[in-house]
Amino acid sequence: MLKTLHIENIAVIECADVEFSAGLSVLTGETGAGKSIIIDSLNAVLGNRVSRELVRSGTERASVTASFASAQAERWCADNEIDTDEGEIILQRRIAADGKTSGRVNGVPVTASQLRELGTLLLDIHGQNDGRQLLDERRHLDYLDAFGECGEALSSYRETYDAYRVLVRETERLTMDETEKQRLEESLRYRVAELTKAELRPGEEAELMERRDLLRNSEKLTEHISAALAALYDSDSSALAQCGDAEYNVSRASAWSADLSETEEIIRGARLAIEDASERLREKQQLLDFSPEEYDRLEERLSLLRRLEKKYSTDEEGLAALLADSERRLDELEYAGDRLEQLEKEMAKAYARAERQAHALTDIRKAAAKRLEKRVVGELRDLSMPSVRFEVRLVSREGKNALSASGADEVNFLMSANAGEALGPISRIASGGELSRIMLALKNVFAEKDGVDALIFDEIDTGVSGVAAQRVAEKLASLARTKQVLCVTHLPQIAAMAQQQYLVEKSEHGGRTFTNIRLLDREGRQYELARLSGGDVITDTQLAGAEELLARDERFRASLS
């Protein structure tokens, strides 16, 4: 359930705070007052794509904060190691003037995709353009699968189908004409021979470069190492000789002063350290003994490695991987006939498994289609479409190429809105008002299973008036018994049915436009309903009619309980 909404610097809304309640709530106001901006704000905080144009002109950033209570969302937070305070979940989205955004859940930074994932558990928003999805016949299978709870069967089928497609792709890769096969085989053989001859060794290039740099500076290194050896070891006055003299004299002195034995050990350690250092320098000096031929061999080897790296656009490690891959592909070509024969058998088995699962999925969809037809027709008749017929036409493809990632079925929704008319595609049959009611019927049916606590309808009343509008209001009230429902509307029939009504109104101050949102009391609702019915000239008769609407709808809501 949506509890609160805080908006800052979103379009014409400088700052707004709204508290929401359970049941049916409506937003009303003049066209252009900013009702849809509230929907845009909710879309933003739920992680949907936003534009920098959403940020109020002249400000550096905008923000939307919404708090919810939802058991599903609490589990999501627990899975993502986000703490909740007594079940409250607070989402925040900030949008900078340059279009950059950031999101948080209970103060923890999250990505936009995480906000979207969480948002699907919190709110189901039906926008003004969502009816177009109903016209897109490619989406009808998704609607049926959602209603029929086909997720588990579809997931199992797709796993089998994907395994089959892996085999198909391998078969396609191995299947080629003889000319292409010969060309590829020659190319691979040349590559394998070239890289094998190079005797590649991991880390060799770094070792060669280190040795080359050493040899390049050998003259200076030799000079300094020789000087160091002379100072430490080779001369009569070397550090080693002087340490030896010191050790001898302290040893003799310790015969008369036993406390000097520790000093003798220290000097002996220094002498041994000097000997060790001298040995290390001598070994290094020997490494600098090289011939010009060795340097030429180093440069030649490095040149070969770099030429191969440039040729194959990779590094030393990549060359080794390329050799292994080329050898594998060469083996595949040499034994392609045997592998293709094996693949044909594996593909036949895999396709048969996928086909069985596809048929099982079709059976589930057929049963769901019958249930969906019955439910939608019932809902639409409640919405003042007494002669409506609705059919879920499911056609299963046959043959070798019948399967796709969604199974073997094609689904289309057909309808006839009036008695005596033939069934046809919704895109050709339904008017704007009928499309709105079909969408509401489907939402009402799906809402029973989706687990989302809150539904938002942005002008679900498009193209609806009169008795049909009253039926839509009654359907929304019925839905609001088990869900929180928020509706943006221009119809007094729907506004009067709400338990809470918010007025969105626009004003100008200091040359700037501001939008405010306020909860109406009984008297405020009467005036707003009178405005929706009759315009800006409000009479006592209109106010009395508004009160009659409110009282009548209160009685209707009471009859539902």
Protein backbone atom coordinates (compact mmCIF):
# COMPACT_ATOMS: atom_id res chain seq x y z
CA MET A 1 0.00 0.00 0.00
CA LEU A 2 1.19 3.51 -0.89
CA LYS A 3 1.22 5.57 2.32
CA THR A 4 2.88 8.90 1.54
CA LEU A 5 4.32 10.78 -1.42
CA HIS A 6 6.73 13.73 -1.23
CA ILE A 7 7.53 15.64 -4.45
CA GLU A 8 10.13 18.39 -4.88
CA ASN A 9 10.77 20.39 -8.06
CA ILE A 10 9.00 18.03 -10.45
CA ALA A 11 7.69 20.09 -13.41
CA VAL A 12 5.20 22.65 -12.02
CA ILE A 13 5.18 21.07 -8.55
CA GLU A 14 7.62 22.95 -6.32
CA CYS A 15 6.81 20.94 -3.18
CA ALA A 16 3.93 18.64 -2.34
CA ASP A 17 3.14 16.11 0.36
CA VAL A 18 0.28 13.65 0.03
CA GLU A 19 -0.93 11.01 2.48
CA PHE A 20 -2.91 8.13 0.99
CA SER A 21 -5.40 5.74 2.56
CA ALA A 22 -6.72 2.31 1.73
CA GLY A 23 -9.66 1.86 -0.63
CA LEU A 24 -10.47 4.03 -3.65
CA SER A 25 -8.90 7.49 -3.98
CA VAL A 26 -9.22 9.89 -6.92
CA LEU A 27 -7.28 12.85 -8.22
CA THR A 28 -9.34 15.52 -9.97
CA GLY A 29 -8.63 18.98 -11.29
CA GLU A 30 -8.61 21.06 -14.45
CA THR A 31 -6.87 19.74 -17.54
CA GLY A 32 -3.19 20.75 -17.32
CA ALA A 33 -3.24 21.28 -13.58
CA GLY A 34 -0.62 18.58 -13.08
CA LYS A 35 -2.51 15.38 -12.24
CA SER A 36 -0.40 13.28 -14.58
CA ILE A 37 2.76 14.76 -13.05
CA ILE A 38 1.91 12.83 -9.90
CA ILE A 39 1.84 9.64 -11.98
CA ASP A 40 5.14 10.67 -13.58
CA SER A 41 6.59 11.17 -10.08
CA LEU A 42 5.50 7.71 -9.00
CA ASN A 43 6.96 6.22 -12.18
CA ALA A 44 10.21 8.00 -11.39
CA VAL A 45 10.47 6.75 -7.80
CA LEU A 46 9.76 3.21 -9.05
CA GLY A 47 12.88 3.33 -11.19
CA ASN A 48 11.35 3.97 -14.61
CA ARG A 49 13.10 6.06 -17.24
CA VAL A 50 12.99 9.79 -16.57
CA SER A 51 13.88 12.86 -18.59
CA ARG A 52 15.80 15.93 -17.45
CA GLU A 53 12.74 17.94 -18.57
CA LEU A 54 10.99 16.57 -15.48
CA VAL A 55 13.18 18.81 -13.28
CA ARG A 56 11.48 22.13 -12.51
CA SER A 57 12.96 25.00 -14.52
CA GLY A 58 15.58 26.99 -12.63
CA THR A 59 16.38 24.27 -10.06
CA GLU A 60 19.42 22.02 -9.81
CA ARG A 61 17.62 18.81 -8.99
CA ALA A 62 14.29 17.17 -8.28
CA SER A 63 13.38 14.39 -5.89
CA VAL A 64 10.49 12.03 -5.18
CA THR A 65 10.09 10.07 -1.95
CA ALA A 66 7.37 7.48 -1.40
CA SER A 67 6.67 5.23 1.57
CA PHE A 68 4.92 1.86 1.33
CA ALA A 69 3.77 -1.06 3.41
CA SER A 70 4.06 -4.39 1.60
CA ALA A 71 4.86 -7.93 2.77
CA GLN A 72 6.24 -8.83 -0.69
CA ALA A 73 8.52 -5.80 -0.67
CA GLU A 74 9.72 -6.62 2.86
CA ARG A 75 10.90 -10.01 1.62
CA TRP A 76 12.68 -8.30 -1.29
CA CYS A 77 14.44 -5.97 1.15
CA ALA A 78 15.49 -8.93 3.31
CA ASP A 79 16.88 -10.74 0.25
CA ASN A 80 18.85 -7.60 -0.68
CA GLU A 81 20.10 -7.00 2.89
CA ILE A 82 18.12 -3.79 3.38
CA ASP A 83 16.63 -3.21 6.82
CA THR A 84 12.99 -2.16 7.21
CA ASP A 85 11.66 -0.11 10.11
CA GLU A 86 8.45 -1.74 11.37
CA GLY A 87 7.56 -2.84 7.85
CA GLU A 88 7.89 0.64 6.30
CA ILE A 89 9.69 0.81 2.95
CA ILE A 90 10.86 4.21 1.76
CA LEU A 91 11.90 4.74 -1.87
CA GLN A 92 13.70 7.86 -3.03
CA ARG A 93 14.77 8.97 -6.51
CA ARG A 94 16.76 12.12 -7.22
CA ILE A 95 17.05 13.62 -10.70
CA ALA A 96 19.74 16.20 -11.46
CA ALA A 97 19.25 18.95 -14.02
CA ASP A 98 21.73 17.17 -16.31
CA GLY A 99 19.55 14.03 -16.28
CA LYS A 100 21.66 11.94 -13.89
CA THR A 101 19.67 10.03 -11.28
CA SER A 102 20.25 8.19 -8.01
CA GLY A 103 17.99 5.93 -5.99
CA ARG A 104 17.72 4.73 -2.40
CA VAL A 105 15.62 2.21 -0.51
CA ASN A 106 15.46 2.90 3.24
CA GLY A 107 18.57 5.02 2.83
CA VAL A 108 20.57 2.31 1.03
CA PRO A 109 21.81 3.29 -2.48
CA VAL A 110 20.29 1.09 -5.21
CA THR A 111 20.33 1.02 -9.00
CA ALA A 112 17.40 2.03 -11.21
CA SER A 113 16.93 -1.61 -12.19
CA GLN A 114 16.64 -2.57 -8.50
CA LEU A 115 14.03 0.16 -8.01
CA ARG A 116 12.09 -1.21 -11.00
CA GLU A 117 12.30 -4.74 -9.63
CA LEU A 118 11.01 -3.59 -6.24
CA GLY A 119 8.43 -1.34 -7.89
CA THR A 120 6.72 -4.28 -9.60
CA LEU A 121 5.92 -5.60 -6.10
CA LEU A 122 4.52 -2.29 -4.87
CA LEU A 123 2.45 -0.62 -7.58
CA ASP A 124 0.75 -1.52 -10.84
CA ILE A 125 0.37 1.70 -12.85
CA HIS A 126 -2.02 1.73 -15.80
CA GLY A 127 -1.05 4.80 -17.82
CA GLN A 128 -2.93 6.57 -20.57
CA ASN A 129 -0.95 4.70 -23.23
CA ASP A 130 -1.19 1.21 -21.74
CA GLY A 131 -4.33 0.48 -23.77
CA ARG A 132 -2.09 0.36 -26.83
CA GLN A 133 -0.51 -2.79 -25.43
CA LEU A 134 -3.92 -4.42 -25.70
CA LEU A 135 -3.99 -3.54 -29.39
CA ASP A 136 -0.58 -5.15 -29.91
CA GLU A 137 -1.40 -8.76 -30.71
CA ARG A 138 2.19 -9.76 -29.88
CA ARG A 139 1.36 -9.03 -26.22
CA HIS A 140 -1.76 -11.20 -26.06
CA LEU A 141 0.21 -14.37 -25.35
CA ASP A 142 1.85 -12.60 -22.40
CA TYR A 143 -1.58 -11.64 -21.04
CA LEU A 144 -2.80 -15.24 -21.32
CA ASP A 145 0.33 -16.67 -19.70
CA ALA A 146 0.03 -14.21 -16.81
CA PHE A 147 -3.60 -15.15 -16.21
CA GLY A 148 -2.97 -18.89 -16.60
CA GLU A 149 0.08 -18.76 -14.29
CA CYS A 150 2.13 -20.47 -16.99
CA GLY A 151 5.45 -19.17 -15.67
CA GLU A 152 6.78 -22.46 -14.31
CA ALA A 153 5.77 -24.52 -17.37
CA LEU A 154 7.09 -21.82 -19.72
CA SER A 155 10.40 -21.59 -17.86
CA SER A 156 10.86 -25.37 -17.99
CA TYR A 157 10.05 -25.41 -21.71
CA ARG A 158 12.46 -22.57 -22.47
CA GLU A 159 15.29 -24.37 -20.70
CA THR A 160 14.72 -27.40 -22.97
CA TYR A 161 14.24 -25.23 -26.05
CA ASP A 162 17.45 -23.27 -25.36
CA ALA A 163 19.39 -26.54 -25.07
CA TYR A 164 17.96 -27.58 -28.46
CA ARG A 165 18.97 -24.23 -30.00
CA VAL A 166 22.55 -24.71 -28.75
CA LEU A 167 22.71 -27.95 -30.74
CA VAL A 168 21.22 -26.22 -33.78
CA ARG A 169 23.81 -23.46 -33.69
CA GLU A 170 26.65 -25.99 -33.39
CA THR A 171 25.25 -27.92 -36.35
CA GLU A 172 25.02 -24.73 -38.42
CA ARG A 173 28.60 -23.89 -37.55
CA LEU A 174 29.86 -27.30 -38.66
CA THR A 175 27.71 -27.43 -41.80
CA MET A 176 29.41 -25.79 -44.77
CA ASP A 177 30.21 -26.57 -48.38
CA GLU A 178 33.47 -28.33 -49.25
CA THR A 179 35.13 -25.21 -50.70
CA GLU A 180 34.47 -23.20 -47.53
CA LYS A 181 35.53 -26.13 -45.37
CA GLN A 182 38.82 -26.53 -47.28
CA ARG A 183 39.54 -22.80 -47.09
CA LEU A 184 38.91 -22.70 -43.33
CA GLU A 185 40.92 -25.86 -42.73
CA GLU A 186 43.93 -24.45 -44.62
CA SER A 187 43.70 -21.21 -42.68
CA LEU A 188 43.57 -23.03 -39.34
CA ARG A 189 46.44 -25.35 -40.25
CA TYR A 190 48.64 -22.37 -41.18
CA ARG A 191 47.75 -20.59 -37.93
CA VAL A 192 48.41 -23.68 -35.80
CA ALA A 193 51.77 -24.28 -37.54
CA GLU A 194 52.82 -20.63 -37.15
CA LEU A 195 51.91 -20.41 -33.47
CA THR A 196 53.30 -23.87 -32.64
CA LYS A 197 56.62 -23.00 -34.29
CA ALA A 198 56.78 -19.85 -32.16
CA GLU A 199 56.96 -22.10 -29.03
CA LEU A 200 54.91 -19.67 -26.97
CA ARG A 201 55.58 -19.65 -23.24
CA PRO A 202 53.50 -17.70 -20.68
CA GLY A 203 55.45 -14.77 -19.21
CA GLU A 204 58.28 -15.03 -21.74
CA GLU A 205 57.80 -11.55 -23.18
CA ALA A 206 58.16 -9.88 -19.77
CA GLU A 207 61.28 -11.94 -19.04
CA LEU A 208 62.83 -11.00 -22.38
CA MET A 209 62.15 -7.31 -21.87
CA GLU A 210 63.66 -7.41 -18.40
CA ARG A 211 66.83 -9.16 -19.71
CA ARG A 212 67.09 -6.75 -22.64
CA ASP A 213 66.84 -3.70 -20.36
CA LEU A 214 69.51 -5.25 -18.15
CA LEU A 215 71.88 -5.75 -21.06
CA ARG A 216 71.26 -2.26 -22.40
CA ASN A 217 72.58 -0.81 -19.13
CA SER A 218 75.23 -3.45 -18.45
CA GLU A 219 78.21 -1.06 -18.72
CA LYS A 220 76.96 1.25 -15.98
CA LEU A 221 75.78 -1.69 -13.89
CA THR A 222 79.19 -3.39 -14.17
CA GLU A 223 81.00 -0.20 -13.16
CA HIS A 224 78.94 0.33 -10.01
CA ILE A 225 78.82 -3.34 -9.01
CA SER A 226 82.64 -3.61 -9.34
CA ALA A 227 83.06 -0.52 -7.15
CA ALA A 228 80.67 -2.00 -4.58
CA LEU A 229 82.55 -5.32 -4.58
CA ALA A 230 85.84 -3.52 -4.09
CA ALA A 231 84.46 -1.62 -1.12
CA LEU A 232 82.94 -4.72 0.44
CA TYR A 233 85.29 -7.56 -0.43
CA ASP A 234 88.06 -7.28 -2.99
CA SER A 235 90.43 -4.63 -1.54
CA ASP A 236 92.80 -4.94 1.43
CA SER A 237 90.85 -2.20 3.19
CA SER A 238 87.43 -3.66 2.31
CA ALA A 239 84.54 -3.70 4.76
CA LEU A 240 84.91 -7.49 5.06
CA ALA A 241 88.60 -7.22 6.01
CA GLN A 242 87.92 -4.52 8.58
CA CYS A 243 85.04 -6.53 10.05
CA GLY A 244 87.39 -9.49 10.33
CA ASP A 245 89.97 -7.42 12.17
CA ALA A 246 87.31 -6.05 14.51
CA GLU A 247 85.93 -9.52 15.21
CA TYR A 248 89.43 -10.85 16.02
CA ASN A 249 90.25 -8.02 18.41
CA VAL A 250 86.90 -8.14 20.23
CA SER A 251 87.29 -11.91 20.55
CA ARG A 252 90.68 -11.45 22.25
CA ALA A 253 89.32 -8.71 24.45
CA SER A 254 86.41 -10.88 25.61
CA ALA A 255 88.94 -13.14 27.38
CA TRP A 256 89.32 -10.36 29.98
CA SER A 257 85.75 -8.96 29.72
CA ALA A 258 83.04 -11.62 29.24
CA ASP A 259 80.33 -9.03 28.52
CA LEU A 260 81.98 -8.36 25.10
CA SER A 261 80.87 -11.77 23.75
CA GLU A 262 77.52 -10.33 22.65
CA THR A 263 79.32 -7.54 20.74
CA GLU A 264 81.50 -10.19 19.10
CA GLU A 265 78.33 -11.97 17.83
CA ILE A 266 76.99 -8.71 16.37
CA ILE A 267 80.27 -8.10 14.47
CA ARG A 268 80.32 -11.72 13.26
CA GLY A 269 76.73 -11.25 11.92
CA ALA A 270 77.81 -8.10 10.09
CA ARG A 271 80.76 -9.96 8.52
CA LEU A 272 78.50 -12.79 7.34
CA ALA A 273 76.02 -10.27 5.93
CA ILE A 274 78.82 -8.56 4.00
CA GLU A 275 79.95 -11.92 2.62
CA ASP A 276 76.38 -12.71 1.52
CA ALA A 277 75.96 -9.30 -0.13
CA SER A 278 79.27 -9.69 -1.91
CA GLU A 279 78.24 -13.12 -3.26
CA ARG A 280 74.99 -11.67 -4.57
CA LEU A 281 76.82 -8.86 -6.34
CA ARG A 282 79.28 -11.36 -7.87
CA GLU A 283 76.36 -13.45 -9.23
CA LYS A 284 74.77 -10.33 -10.70
CA GLN A 285 78.08 -9.37 -12.28
CA GLN A 286 78.30 -12.77 -13.95
CA LEU A 287 74.83 -12.26 -15.46
CA LEU A 288 76.16 -9.15 -17.17
CA ASP A 289 78.71 -11.21 -19.04
CA PHE A 290 77.05 -11.46 -22.46
CA SER A 291 77.84 -11.34 -26.12
CA PRO A 292 76.35 -9.04 -28.78
CA GLU A 293 74.78 -12.16 -30.31
CA GLU A 294 72.63 -12.65 -27.18
CA TYR A 295 71.25 -9.11 -27.45
CA ASP A 296 70.41 -9.69 -31.12
CA ARG A 297 68.63 -12.93 -30.24
CA LEU A 298 66.58 -11.10 -27.59
CA GLU A 299 65.51 -8.40 -30.04
CA GLU A 300 64.68 -10.98 -32.70
CA ARG A 301 62.52 -13.00 -30.32
CA LEU A 302 60.69 -9.91 -29.04
CA SER A 303 60.10 -8.81 -32.63
CA LEU A 304 58.55 -12.20 -33.46
CA LEU A 305 56.19 -12.10 -30.45
CA ARG A 306 55.09 -8.55 -31.22
CA ARG A 307 54.53 -9.32 -34.88
CA LEU A 308 52.26 -12.23 -33.93
CA GLU A 309 50.41 -10.10 -31.37
CA LYS A 310 49.81 -7.39 -33.97
CA LYS A 311 48.78 -9.89 -36.63
CA TYR A 312 46.19 -11.56 -34.43
CA SER A 313 45.21 -8.43 -32.45
CA THR A 314 45.85 -9.97 -29.04
CA ASP A 315 48.47 -10.22 -26.31
CA GLU A 316 50.82 -13.04 -25.33
CA GLU A 317 48.14 -14.81 -23.27
CA GLY A 318 45.66 -14.39 -26.11
CA LEU A 319 48.05 -16.03 -28.57
CA ALA A 320 48.18 -19.15 -26.41
CA ALA A 321 44.36 -19.19 -26.19
CA LEU A 322 44.11 -18.65 -29.95
CA LEU A 323 46.40 -21.64 -30.58
CA ALA A 324 44.30 -23.87 -28.34
CA ASP A 325 41.07 -22.69 -29.98
CA SER A 326 42.48 -23.17 -33.50
CA GLU A 327 43.59 -26.70 -32.66
CA ARG A 328 40.12 -27.45 -31.28
CA ARG A 329 38.38 -26.06 -34.37
CA LEU A 330 40.72 -27.99 -36.64
CA ASP A 331 39.85 -31.18 -34.80
CA GLU A 332 36.18 -30.33 -35.20
CA LEU A 333 36.58 -29.94 -38.96
CA GLU A 334 38.52 -33.17 -39.29
CA TYR A 335 35.83 -35.04 -37.39
CA ALA A 336 32.89 -32.86 -38.48
CA GLY A 337 31.13 -35.73 -40.23
CA ASP A 338 31.11 -37.89 -37.10
CA ARG A 339 30.08 -34.93 -34.91
CA LEU A 340 27.27 -33.92 -37.29
CA GLU A 341 25.89 -37.44 -37.23
CA GLN A 342 25.93 -37.37 -33.43
CA LEU A 343 24.36 -33.88 -33.38
CA GLU A 344 21.49 -35.00 -35.61
CA LYS A 345 20.58 -37.69 -33.09
CA GLU A 346 20.92 -35.30 -30.14
CA MET A 347 18.85 -32.63 -31.90
CA ALA A 348 16.07 -35.09 -32.68
CA LYS A 349 15.89 -36.11 -29.03
CA ALA A 350 16.09 -32.51 -27.80
CA TYR A 351 13.38 -31.36 -30.22
CA ALA A 352 11.12 -34.22 -29.16
CA ARG A 353 11.53 -33.21 -25.50
CA ALA A 354 10.80 -29.57 -26.31
CA GLU A 355 7.81 -30.56 -28.42
CA ARG A 356 6.32 -32.60 -25.57
CA GLN A 357 6.73 -29.67 -23.17
CA ALA A 358 5.28 -27.28 -25.77
CA HIS A 359 2.19 -29.49 -26.10
CA ALA A 360 1.82 -29.57 -22.31
CA LEU A 361 2.12 -25.76 -22.27
CA THR A 362 -0.54 -25.55 -25.00
CA ASP A 363 -2.92 -27.63 -22.88
CA ILE A 364 -2.42 -25.28 -19.92
CA ARG A 365 -3.04 -22.26 -22.17
CA LYS A 366 -6.20 -23.77 -23.69
CA ALA A 367 -7.69 -24.31 -20.25
CA ALA A 368 -6.63 -20.80 -19.18
CA ALA A 369 -8.09 -19.30 -22.37
CA LYS A 370 -11.55 -20.69 -21.55
CA ARG A 371 -11.38 -19.32 -18.01
CA LEU A 372 -10.13 -15.94 -19.22
CA GLU A 373 -12.93 -15.66 -21.78
CA LYS A 374 -15.55 -16.33 -19.12
CA ARG A 375 -14.02 -13.91 -16.61
CA VAL A 376 -13.52 -11.05 -19.09
CA VAL A 377 -17.05 -11.37 -20.49
CA GLY A 378 -18.41 -11.29 -16.95
CA GLU A 379 -16.36 -8.20 -16.10
CA LEU A 380 -17.36 -6.41 -19.32
CA ARG A 381 -21.04 -7.10 -18.79
CA ASP A 382 -20.66 -5.54 -15.35
CA LEU A 383 -19.18 -2.55 -17.20
CA SER A 384 -22.30 -1.95 -19.28
CA MET A 385 -21.36 -4.10 -22.28
CA PRO A 386 -24.23 -6.64 -22.08
CA SER A 387 -23.89 -8.05 -25.61
CA VAL A 388 -20.10 -8.37 -25.62
CA ARG A 389 -18.40 -11.53 -26.80
CA PHE A 390 -14.72 -12.12 -26.08
CA GLU A 391 -12.66 -14.96 -27.47
CA VAL A 392 -9.07 -16.02 -26.87
CA ARG A 393 -8.10 -17.60 -30.18
CA LEU A 394 -5.20 -19.97 -29.69
CA VAL A 395 -3.58 -21.51 -32.79
CA SER A 396 -0.77 -24.05 -32.42
CA ARG A 397 1.89 -24.19 -35.12
CA GLU A 398 2.86 -27.57 -36.51
CA GLY A 399 5.84 -29.00 -38.33
CA LYS A 400 9.58 -29.06 -37.83
CA ASN A 401 9.94 -25.31 -37.30
CA ALA A 402 6.82 -24.89 -35.15
CA LEU A 403 8.66 -24.14 -31.91
CA SER A 404 9.85 -20.75 -30.73
CA ALA A 405 11.03 -19.37 -27.40
CA SER A 406 7.39 -18.98 -26.31
CA GLY A 407 6.25 -22.44 -27.39
CA ALA A 408 4.18 -23.46 -30.40
CA ASP A 409 1.22 -21.12 -29.88
CA GLU A 410 -0.08 -17.89 -31.34
CA VAL A 411 -2.74 -16.05 -29.36
CA ASN A 412 -5.12 -13.31 -30.43
CA PHE A 413 -7.89 -11.62 -28.49
CA LEU A 414 -11.07 -11.21 -30.54
CA MET A 415 -14.25 -9.45 -29.54
CA SER A 416 -17.67 -8.34 -30.66
CA ALA A 417 -19.04 -5.38 -28.76
CA ASN A 418 -22.58 -5.50 -30.11
CA ALA A 419 -25.15 -8.19 -30.82
CA GLY A 420 -25.09 -9.53 -34.36
CA GLU A 421 -21.52 -8.36 -35.08
CA ALA A 422 -18.83 -10.85 -36.01
CA LEU A 423 -15.78 -11.37 -33.82
CA GLY A 424 -12.76 -9.35 -34.89
CA PRO A 425 -9.42 -8.03 -33.64
CA ILE A 426 -9.76 -5.61 -30.76
CA SER A 427 -7.82 -2.98 -32.74
CA ARG A 428 -10.62 -2.91 -35.36
CA ILE A 429 -13.67 -3.52 -33.16
CA ALA A 430 -13.16 -1.58 -29.91
CA SER A 431 -13.86 2.13 -29.55
CA GLY A 432 -11.86 4.25 -27.12
CA GLY A 433 -14.37 3.75 -24.31
CA GLU A 434 -14.64 0.03 -24.97
CA LEU A 435 -10.85 -0.28 -24.97
CA SER A 436 -10.70 1.42 -21.57
CA ARG A 437 -13.26 -0.98 -20.16
CA ILE A 438 -11.51 -4.04 -21.62
CA MET A 439 -8.27 -2.87 -20.03
CA LEU A 440 -10.04 -2.35 -16.69
CA ALA A 441 -11.61 -5.81 -16.97
CA LEU A 442 -8.23 -7.42 -17.61
CA LYS A 443 -6.60 -5.47 -14.77
CA ASN A 444 -9.40 -6.54 -12.46
CA VAL A 445 -8.94 -10.19 -13.43
CA PHE A 446 -5.15 -10.14 -13.19
CA ALA A 447 -5.14 -8.20 -9.91
CA GLU A 448 -6.48 -11.28 -8.13
CA LYS A 449 -3.22 -13.15 -8.76
CA ASP A 450 -0.41 -10.62 -9.06
CA GLY A 451 0.00 -9.99 -5.31
CA VAL A 452 0.45 -6.22 -5.79
CA ASP A 453 -1.42 -4.25 -3.13
CA ALA A 454 -1.90 -0.98 -5.03
CA LEU A 455 -3.28 -0.13 -8.49
CA ILE A 456 -3.13 3.27 -10.18
CA PHE A 457 -5.27 4.20 -13.17
CA ASP A 458 -4.39 7.31 -15.14
CA GLU A 459 -7.64 8.27 -16.90
CA ILE A 460 -9.13 4.78 -17.23
CA ASP A 461 -12.35 6.65 -18.05
CA THR A 462 -11.19 7.77 -21.53
CA GLY A 463 -14.12 7.64 -23.93
CA VAL A 464 -16.55 6.56 -21.20
CA SER A 465 -19.67 8.45 -20.11
CA GLY A 466 -23.19 8.02 -18.81
CA VAL A 467 -24.21 4.59 -17.54
CA ALA A 468 -20.88 3.08 -18.62
CA ALA A 469 -19.03 5.60 -16.44
CA GLN A 470 -21.17 4.60 -13.47
CA ARG A 471 -20.37 0.92 -14.07
CA VAL A 472 -16.65 1.72 -14.26
CA ALA A 473 -16.93 3.55 -10.93
CA GLU A 474 -18.71 0.57 -9.37
CA LYS A 475 -16.04 -1.81 -10.71
CA LEU A 476 -13.29 0.37 -9.24
CA ALA A 477 -15.10 0.41 -5.88
CA SER A 478 -15.39 -3.37 -5.99
CA LEU A 479 -11.71 -3.70 -6.79
CA ALA A 480 -10.84 -1.31 -3.94
CA ARG A 481 -12.30 -3.75 -1.40
CA THR A 482 -9.13 -5.85 -1.66
CA LYS A 483 -6.68 -3.39 -3.27
CA GLN A 484 -5.65 0.18 -2.79
CA VAL A 485 -6.85 1.98 -5.94
CA LEU A 486 -5.80 5.48 -7.04
CA CYS A 487 -7.49 6.95 -10.11
CA VAL A 488 -6.95 10.15 -12.11
CA THR A 489 -10.35 11.10 -13.52
CA HIS A 490 -12.49 13.84 -15.05
CA LEU A 491 -15.81 12.04 -14.49
CA PRO A 492 -18.07 12.95 -11.54
CA GLN A 493 -19.42 9.38 -11.43
CA ILE A 494 -15.96 8.00 -10.65
CA ALA A 495 -14.92 10.89 -8.39
CA ALA A 496 -18.07 10.52 -6.27
CA MET A 497 -17.44 6.81 -5.77
CA ALA A 498 -14.07 7.44 -4.08
CA GLN A 499 -13.51 7.30 -0.36
CA GLN A 500 -10.85 10.03 -0.63
CA GLN A 501 -10.69 12.80 -3.21
CA TYR A 502 -7.65 15.00 -3.87
CA LEU A 503 -7.84 18.25 -5.82
CA VAL A 504 -4.90 19.16 -8.02
CA GLU A 505 -4.96 22.89 -8.75
CA LYS A 506 -2.62 25.26 -10.51
CA SER A 507 -1.85 28.88 -9.61
CA GLU A 508 0.59 31.64 -10.55
CA HIS A 509 2.77 33.69 -8.18
CA GLY A 510 5.54 36.06 -9.15
CA GLY A 511 5.38 35.03 -12.79
CA ARG A 512 5.81 31.31 -12.00
CA THR A 513 3.37 28.41 -12.08
CA PHE A 514 2.74 26.29 -8.99
CA THR A 515 0.66 23.13 -8.52
CA ASN A 516 -0.85 22.17 -5.16
CA ILE A 517 -2.53 18.95 -4.03
CA ARG A 518 -5.03 18.91 -1.19
CA LEU A 519 -7.43 16.41 0.33
CA LEU A 520 -11.02 17.61 0.03
CA ASP A 521 -13.54 17.54 2.84
CA ARG A 522 -17.23 16.85 2.22
CA GLU A 523 -18.01 20.42 1.22
CA GLY A 524 -14.94 20.60 -1.01
CA ARG A 525 -15.99 17.41 -2.74
CA GLN A 526 -19.45 18.83 -3.41
CA TYR A 527 -17.99 21.89 -5.12
CA GLU A 528 -15.50 19.82 -7.14
CA LEU A 529 -18.18 17.35 -8.27
CA ALA A 530 -20.42 20.28 -9.24
CA ARG A 531 -17.53 21.74 -11.27
CA LEU A 532 -16.94 18.41 -13.01
CA SER A 533 -20.65 18.25 -13.89
CA GLY A 534 -21.41 21.83 -14.82
CA GLY A 535 -18.29 23.96 -15.21
CA ASP A 536 -17.30 27.08 -13.33
CA VAL A 537 -20.82 28.42 -12.70
CA ILE A 538 -21.94 26.36 -9.70
CA THR A 539 -25.56 26.49 -8.57
CA ASP A 540 -27.31 25.22 -5.47
CA THR A 541 -29.00 22.61 -7.63
CA GLN A 542 -25.65 21.32 -8.81
CA LEU A 543 -24.37 21.19 -5.24
CA ALA A 544 -27.45 19.27 -4.17
CA GLY A 545 -26.89 16.87 -7.08
CA ALA A 546 -23.27 16.40 -6.01
CA GLU A 547 -24.35 15.57 -2.47
CA GLU A 548 -26.88 13.11 -3.86
CA LEU A 549 -24.10 11.42 -5.86
CA LEU A 550 -21.90 11.15 -2.77
CA ALA A 551 -24.72 9.71 -0.65
CA ARG A 552 -25.77 7.24 -3.34
CA ASP A 553 -22.21 5.97 -3.80
CA GLU A 554 -21.73 5.63 -0.07
CA ARG A 555 -24.75 3.33 -0.03
CA PHE A 556 -23.31 1.35 -2.94
CA ARG A 557 -19.96 0.87 -1.17
CA ALA A 558 -21.78 -0.21 1.97
CA SER A 559 -23.69 -2.81 -0.06
CA LEU A 560 -20.39 -4.41 -1.15
CA SER A 561 -19.35 -5.30 2.39
